[in-house]
């Protein structure tokens, strides 16, 4: 069966993102996980302004270049390095978006190693030029390191037993092989695949997802223009907790506040969106606006 074209990738929570970013003609836009441009295309239709689209994946970059051409500045980089460079350059943006999840084309491509249900190599690298992969973690880390990884990043209740089984089954080279090892520790039927937590933990570690997020949130605040809007979409509780704590620390009624919360609680997908885009089921959107006057002065 031919692969689904990235052009048909459905952006998650598109209507909600547009509501909170509230794009206006001529405003500038920074998309730090642009993927295949689903959110960006709709924002640019409304603004016609300057746009910087960032992604660490070479295939996504090629798709963005084909889709937008000279209408946007395309940056091949992880969002932490790109944000640092933009701050050094003194850039400011009216809107910033970060969709922190794995894109559907990644999940649909068995060769990338993100999919539990499709057989592929244990890769999981968003940037395929980096050395660390899921296969190297699974086959080289010791049992205690693996157990800590599964517990901390996957919130896996059976982390120790699964880590022991992984070490005993080495070498492990494919996604289905790993999924089968994990599944033996969770007999019975469940809507969620029993290896989901293990795959999540490996993906987070391979791509340093939480570390990059913690490092970069303060930079996004710095990159916002006065009155600018920030929208962040997370897909698991570890990411959402970091986002929630950061926004809470920088908002409030006192004179030290930098942000005004636009969402008191995370915004989730409506049932009709979940039907057409199951990936939206776990998506949580939080948004804030930068206070126009710097109250610290």
Protein backbone atom coordinates (compact mmCIF):
# COMPACT_ATOMS: atom_id res chain seq x y z
CA UNK A 1 0.00 0.00 0.00
CA UNK A 2 1.45 3.42 -0.90
CA UNK A 3 2.30 5.81 1.87
CA UNK A 4 -0.19 8.54 2.63
CA UNK A 5 1.00 11.84 1.24
CA UNK A 6 2.19 14.31 3.89
CA UNK A 7 0.05 16.92 2.14
CA UNK A 8 -2.96 15.18 3.71
CA UNK A 9 -1.58 15.35 7.23
CA UNK A 10 -4.37 16.73 9.44
CA UNK A 11 -3.26 19.41 11.91
CA UNK A 12 -4.49 18.79 15.45
CA UNK A 13 -6.84 21.28 17.16
CA UNK A 14 -6.63 23.63 14.16
CA UNK A 15 -9.73 25.65 15.02
CA UNK A 16 -8.68 26.06 18.64
CA UNK A 17 -5.14 27.07 17.64
CA UNK A 18 -6.52 29.74 15.31
CA UNK A 19 -8.84 31.00 18.04
CA UNK A 20 -6.07 31.54 20.57
CA UNK A 21 -3.36 32.70 18.18
CA UNK A 22 -5.93 35.06 16.62
CA UNK A 23 -3.85 35.80 13.48
CA UNK A 24 -4.25 39.25 11.98
CA UNK A 25 -3.12 40.69 8.67
CA UNK A 26 0.59 41.47 8.61
CA UNK A 27 1.49 39.73 11.87
CA UNK A 28 4.60 37.55 12.21
CA UNK A 29 4.48 33.84 12.97
CA UNK A 30 6.96 31.31 14.36
CA UNK A 31 6.14 27.61 14.10
CA UNK A 32 8.74 25.62 15.99
CA UNK A 33 7.50 22.16 15.02
CA UNK A 34 6.10 22.95 11.60
CA UNK A 35 5.94 19.36 10.36
CA UNK A 36 4.20 19.35 7.01
CA UNK A 37 2.71 22.83 7.41
CA UNK A 38 -0.89 22.10 8.34
CA UNK A 39 -1.17 24.81 10.99
CA UNK A 40 1.18 27.17 9.16
CA UNK A 41 -0.77 27.14 5.90
CA UNK A 42 -3.96 28.33 7.59
CA UNK A 43 -2.19 30.97 9.67
CA UNK A 44 -0.39 32.38 6.62
CA UNK A 45 -3.66 32.59 4.69
CA UNK A 46 -4.87 35.04 7.33
CA UNK A 47 -1.70 37.03 7.91
CA UNK A 48 0.33 37.20 4.71
CA UNK A 49 3.12 38.29 7.05
CA UNK A 50 6.57 37.03 7.89
CA UNK A 51 6.80 33.39 8.92
CA UNK A 52 9.62 31.20 10.23
CA UNK A 53 8.93 27.46 10.08
CA UNK A 54 11.23 25.14 12.02
CA UNK A 55 11.54 21.36 12.00
CA UNK A 56 14.33 18.91 12.86
CA UNK A 57 13.19 16.27 10.35
CA UNK A 58 14.70 16.40 6.85
CA UNK A 59 11.60 14.93 5.19
CA UNK A 60 9.38 17.55 6.80
CA UNK A 61 11.77 20.30 5.69
CA UNK A 62 11.59 19.09 2.08
CA UNK A 63 7.79 19.09 2.25
CA UNK A 64 7.73 22.60 3.77
CA UNK A 65 10.04 23.95 1.07
CA UNK A 66 7.84 22.45 -1.62
CA UNK A 67 4.63 23.73 -0.01
CA UNK A 68 5.67 27.28 0.92
CA UNK A 69 8.63 28.15 -1.29
CA UNK A 70 9.65 31.75 -0.58
CA UNK A 71 6.50 32.53 1.41
CA UNK A 72 8.26 31.48 4.62
CA UNK A 73 11.74 31.07 6.04
CA UNK A 74 12.35 27.33 6.48
CA UNK A 75 14.82 26.30 9.19
CA UNK A 76 16.16 22.74 9.51
CA UNK A 77 16.90 22.52 13.22
CA UNK A 78 15.55 21.28 16.53
CA UNK A 79 13.42 23.92 18.20
CA UNK A 80 15.89 24.56 21.03
CA UNK A 81 18.80 25.46 18.74
CA UNK A 82 16.53 27.45 16.43
CA UNK A 83 15.08 29.41 19.35
CA UNK A 84 18.53 30.23 20.71
CA UNK A 85 19.62 31.57 17.33
CA UNK A 86 16.46 33.66 16.94
CA UNK A 87 16.97 35.17 20.40
CA UNK A 88 20.60 36.02 19.55
CA UNK A 89 19.34 37.73 16.40
CA UNK A 90 16.90 39.85 18.39
CA UNK A 91 13.83 38.44 16.62
CA UNK A 92 10.27 39.00 17.87
CA UNK A 93 7.02 37.34 16.81
CA UNK A 94 3.32 38.08 17.23
CA UNK A 95 2.44 34.37 17.28
CA UNK A 96 4.40 31.29 18.36
CA UNK A 97 3.18 27.71 18.02
CA UNK A 98 4.77 24.46 19.16
CA UNK A 99 2.95 21.19 18.42
CA UNK A 100 5.05 18.85 20.54
CA UNK A 101 3.76 15.51 19.30
CA UNK A 102 5.03 13.08 16.70
CA UNK A 103 3.43 13.78 13.33
CA UNK A 104 1.15 11.28 11.64
CA UNK A 105 3.59 10.75 8.71
CA UNK A 106 6.21 9.66 11.25
CA UNK A 107 3.81 7.14 12.74
CA UNK A 108 2.67 5.94 9.32
CA UNK A 109 6.22 5.29 8.10
CA UNK A 110 7.30 1.93 9.54
CA UNK A 111 10.94 2.64 8.69
CA UNK A 112 11.06 5.50 11.21
CA UNK A 113 10.44 3.11 14.11
CA UNK A 114 7.75 5.10 15.91
CA UNK A 115 4.90 2.69 15.17
CA UNK A 116 4.06 -0.20 17.48
CA UNK A 117 1.79 -1.93 14.98
CA UNK A 118 4.08 -1.80 11.93
CA UNK A 119 7.33 -3.73 11.70
CA UNK A 120 10.36 -1.50 11.30
CA UNK A 121 13.82 -0.83 12.68
CA UNK A 122 14.07 0.52 16.22
CA UNK A 123 14.99 4.06 15.23
CA UNK A 124 12.67 6.82 16.61
CA UNK A 125 15.06 9.63 15.70
CA UNK A 126 13.33 12.80 14.55
CA UNK A 127 16.74 13.98 13.36
CA UNK A 128 18.19 11.00 11.51
CA UNK A 129 21.68 12.50 11.57
CA UNK A 130 22.04 12.10 15.35
CA UNK A 131 23.74 8.99 16.74
CA UNK A 132 21.42 8.00 19.59
CA UNK A 133 18.55 5.77 18.50
CA UNK A 134 16.02 3.54 20.24
CA UNK A 135 17.99 0.50 19.12
CA UNK A 136 21.16 1.68 20.83
CA UNK A 137 19.26 2.35 24.09
CA UNK A 138 17.46 -1.01 24.03
CA UNK A 139 20.63 -2.98 23.32
CA UNK A 140 23.30 -1.02 25.21
CA UNK A 141 21.80 0.46 28.37
CA UNK A 142 21.96 -1.68 31.49
CA UNK A 143 18.88 -3.05 33.23
CA UNK A 144 18.70 -0.36 35.93
CA UNK A 145 19.03 2.43 33.36
CA UNK A 146 16.27 0.92 31.24
CA UNK A 147 13.98 0.47 34.24
CA UNK A 148 14.48 4.10 35.29
CA UNK A 149 13.78 5.25 31.74
CA UNK A 150 10.54 3.27 31.49
CA UNK A 151 9.40 4.46 34.92
CA UNK A 152 10.28 8.14 34.54
CA UNK A 153 9.44 8.76 30.89
CA UNK A 154 6.83 6.05 30.28
CA UNK A 155 5.21 5.90 33.71
CA UNK A 156 5.34 2.13 33.25
CA UNK A 157 4.20 0.20 36.38
CA UNK A 158 6.12 -2.92 35.33
CA UNK A 159 9.31 -1.09 34.41
CA UNK A 160 11.71 -3.42 36.25
CA UNK A 161 10.23 -6.61 34.81
CA UNK A 162 10.13 -5.23 31.27
CA UNK A 163 13.71 -3.95 31.53
CA UNK A 164 14.83 -7.39 32.69
CA UNK A 165 13.02 -9.04 29.77
CA UNK A 166 14.56 -6.61 27.27
CA UNK A 167 18.08 -7.35 28.48
CA UNK A 168 17.42 -11.11 28.35
CA UNK A 169 16.10 -10.91 24.76
CA UNK A 170 19.00 -8.96 23.25
CA UNK A 171 19.78 -8.27 20.49
CA UNK A 172 16.49 -6.54 19.62
CA UNK A 173 16.30 -4.87 16.23
CA UNK A 174 12.64 -4.33 15.29
CA UNK A 175 9.59 -2.53 16.64
CA UNK A 176 7.41 -5.63 16.56
CA UNK A 177 10.03 -7.66 18.40
CA UNK A 178 10.15 -5.11 21.22
CA UNK A 179 6.36 -4.76 21.29
CA UNK A 180 5.97 -8.53 21.65
CA UNK A 181 8.43 -8.64 24.57
CA UNK A 182 6.51 -5.91 26.42
CA UNK A 183 3.10 -7.40 25.60
CA UNK A 184 3.93 -10.64 27.38
CA UNK A 185 3.91 -8.70 30.65
CA UNK A 186 0.40 -7.34 30.00
CA UNK A 187 -1.83 -10.28 29.01
CA UNK A 188 -5.43 -9.64 28.01
CA UNK A 189 -7.07 -7.02 25.82
CA UNK A 190 -6.90 -3.25 26.11
CA UNK A 191 -7.78 -0.31 23.89
CA UNK A 192 -4.24 1.00 24.38
CA UNK A 193 -1.40 -1.24 23.20
CA UNK A 194 0.60 -2.51 26.21
CA UNK A 195 3.87 -1.32 24.66
CA UNK A 196 2.68 2.29 24.30
CA UNK A 197 4.39 3.46 27.49
CA UNK A 198 7.66 1.76 26.55
CA UNK A 199 7.67 3.31 23.09
CA UNK A 200 6.84 6.72 24.56
CA UNK A 201 9.74 6.50 27.00
CA UNK A 202 12.20 5.54 24.28
CA UNK A 203 11.01 8.29 21.93
CA UNK A 204 11.33 10.93 24.67
CA UNK A 205 14.84 9.79 25.52
CA UNK A 206 16.04 9.51 21.92
CA UNK A 207 14.87 13.02 21.06
CA UNK A 208 15.47 14.65 24.48
CA UNK A 209 11.92 15.95 24.29
CA UNK A 210 11.50 17.04 27.91
CA UNK A 211 14.97 18.54 28.20
CA UNK A 212 14.49 20.60 25.06
CA UNK A 213 11.10 21.81 26.25
CA UNK A 214 12.39 22.94 29.66
CA UNK A 215 15.35 24.70 28.04
CA UNK A 216 13.29 26.45 25.39
CA UNK A 217 10.14 27.71 27.16
CA UNK A 218 11.92 30.80 28.57
CA UNK A 219 13.28 31.55 25.10
CA UNK A 220 9.78 31.50 23.62
CA UNK A 221 8.70 34.06 26.18
CA UNK A 222 11.63 36.23 25.11
CA UNK A 223 10.74 35.81 21.42
CA UNK A 224 7.16 37.02 21.91
CA UNK A 225 6.34 40.59 20.98
CA UNK A 226 4.31 42.61 23.53
CA UNK A 227 0.76 41.36 23.12
CA UNK A 228 2.01 38.28 21.26
CA UNK A 229 0.28 34.92 21.67
CA UNK A 230 1.88 31.57 22.50
CA UNK A 231 0.11 28.25 21.85
CA UNK A 232 1.52 24.89 22.95
CA UNK A 233 0.11 21.46 22.16
CA UNK A 234 1.29 18.50 24.23
CA UNK A 235 0.41 14.81 23.95
CA UNK A 236 1.32 13.30 27.30
CA UNK A 237 1.19 14.34 30.93
CA UNK A 238 4.95 14.85 31.32
CA UNK A 239 5.00 17.54 28.63
CA UNK A 240 1.77 19.11 29.79
CA UNK A 241 3.03 19.34 33.38
CA UNK A 242 6.13 21.26 32.27
CA UNK A 243 4.05 23.63 30.14
CA UNK A 244 1.45 24.16 32.88
CA UNK A 245 4.07 24.94 35.52
CA UNK A 246 5.93 27.38 33.28
CA UNK A 247 2.80 29.29 32.32
CA UNK A 248 1.66 29.42 35.94
CA UNK A 249 5.03 30.77 37.09
CA UNK A 250 4.92 33.59 34.55
CA UNK A 251 1.27 34.63 34.88
CA UNK A 252 -0.96 36.00 37.61
CA UNK A 253 -2.20 39.29 39.02
CA UNK A 254 1.05 40.58 40.52
CA UNK A 255 3.41 43.08 38.93
CA UNK A 256 5.98 40.41 38.14
CA UNK A 257 3.74 38.61 35.65
CA UNK A 258 4.94 38.31 32.06
CA UNK A 259 1.96 36.42 30.66
CA UNK A 260 -1.82 36.45 30.72
CA UNK A 261 -3.30 32.97 30.53
CA UNK A 262 -5.74 32.53 27.67
CA UNK A 263 -6.67 29.00 28.77
CA UNK A 264 -7.42 28.32 32.43
CA UNK A 265 -7.57 24.61 31.66
CA UNK A 266 -6.12 22.59 28.77
CA UNK A 267 -8.23 22.59 25.62
CA UNK A 268 -8.92 19.14 24.21
CA UNK A 269 -10.35 17.88 20.93
CA UNK A 270 -14.07 17.57 20.28
CA UNK A 271 -15.50 14.10 19.54
CA UNK A 272 -15.99 14.86 15.85
CA UNK A 273 -12.30 15.72 15.44
CA UNK A 274 -11.24 12.55 17.22
CA UNK A 275 -13.33 10.50 14.79
CA UNK A 276 -11.54 11.99 11.76
CA UNK A 277 -8.14 12.36 13.45
CA UNK A 278 -7.62 9.81 16.27
CA UNK A 279 -4.22 11.37 17.07
CA UNK A 280 -6.12 14.33 18.53
CA UNK A 281 -7.47 12.18 21.39
CA UNK A 282 -4.53 12.89 23.68
CA UNK A 283 -3.78 16.45 22.54
CA UNK A 284 -3.88 19.28 25.09
CA UNK A 285 -3.61 22.93 24.10
CA UNK A 286 -2.54 25.70 26.46
CA UNK A 287 -2.18 29.32 25.40
CA UNK A 288 -1.03 32.64 26.85
CA UNK A 289 -0.44 36.22 25.72
CA UNK A 290 2.55 38.37 26.61
CA UNK A 291 1.58 41.35 28.73
CA UNK A 292 2.12 44.48 26.67
CA UNK A 293 3.72 46.56 29.42
CA UNK A 294 6.80 45.19 31.14
CA UNK A 295 5.65 45.46 34.74
CA UNK A 296 9.13 44.72 36.09
CA UNK A 297 10.43 48.13 35.08
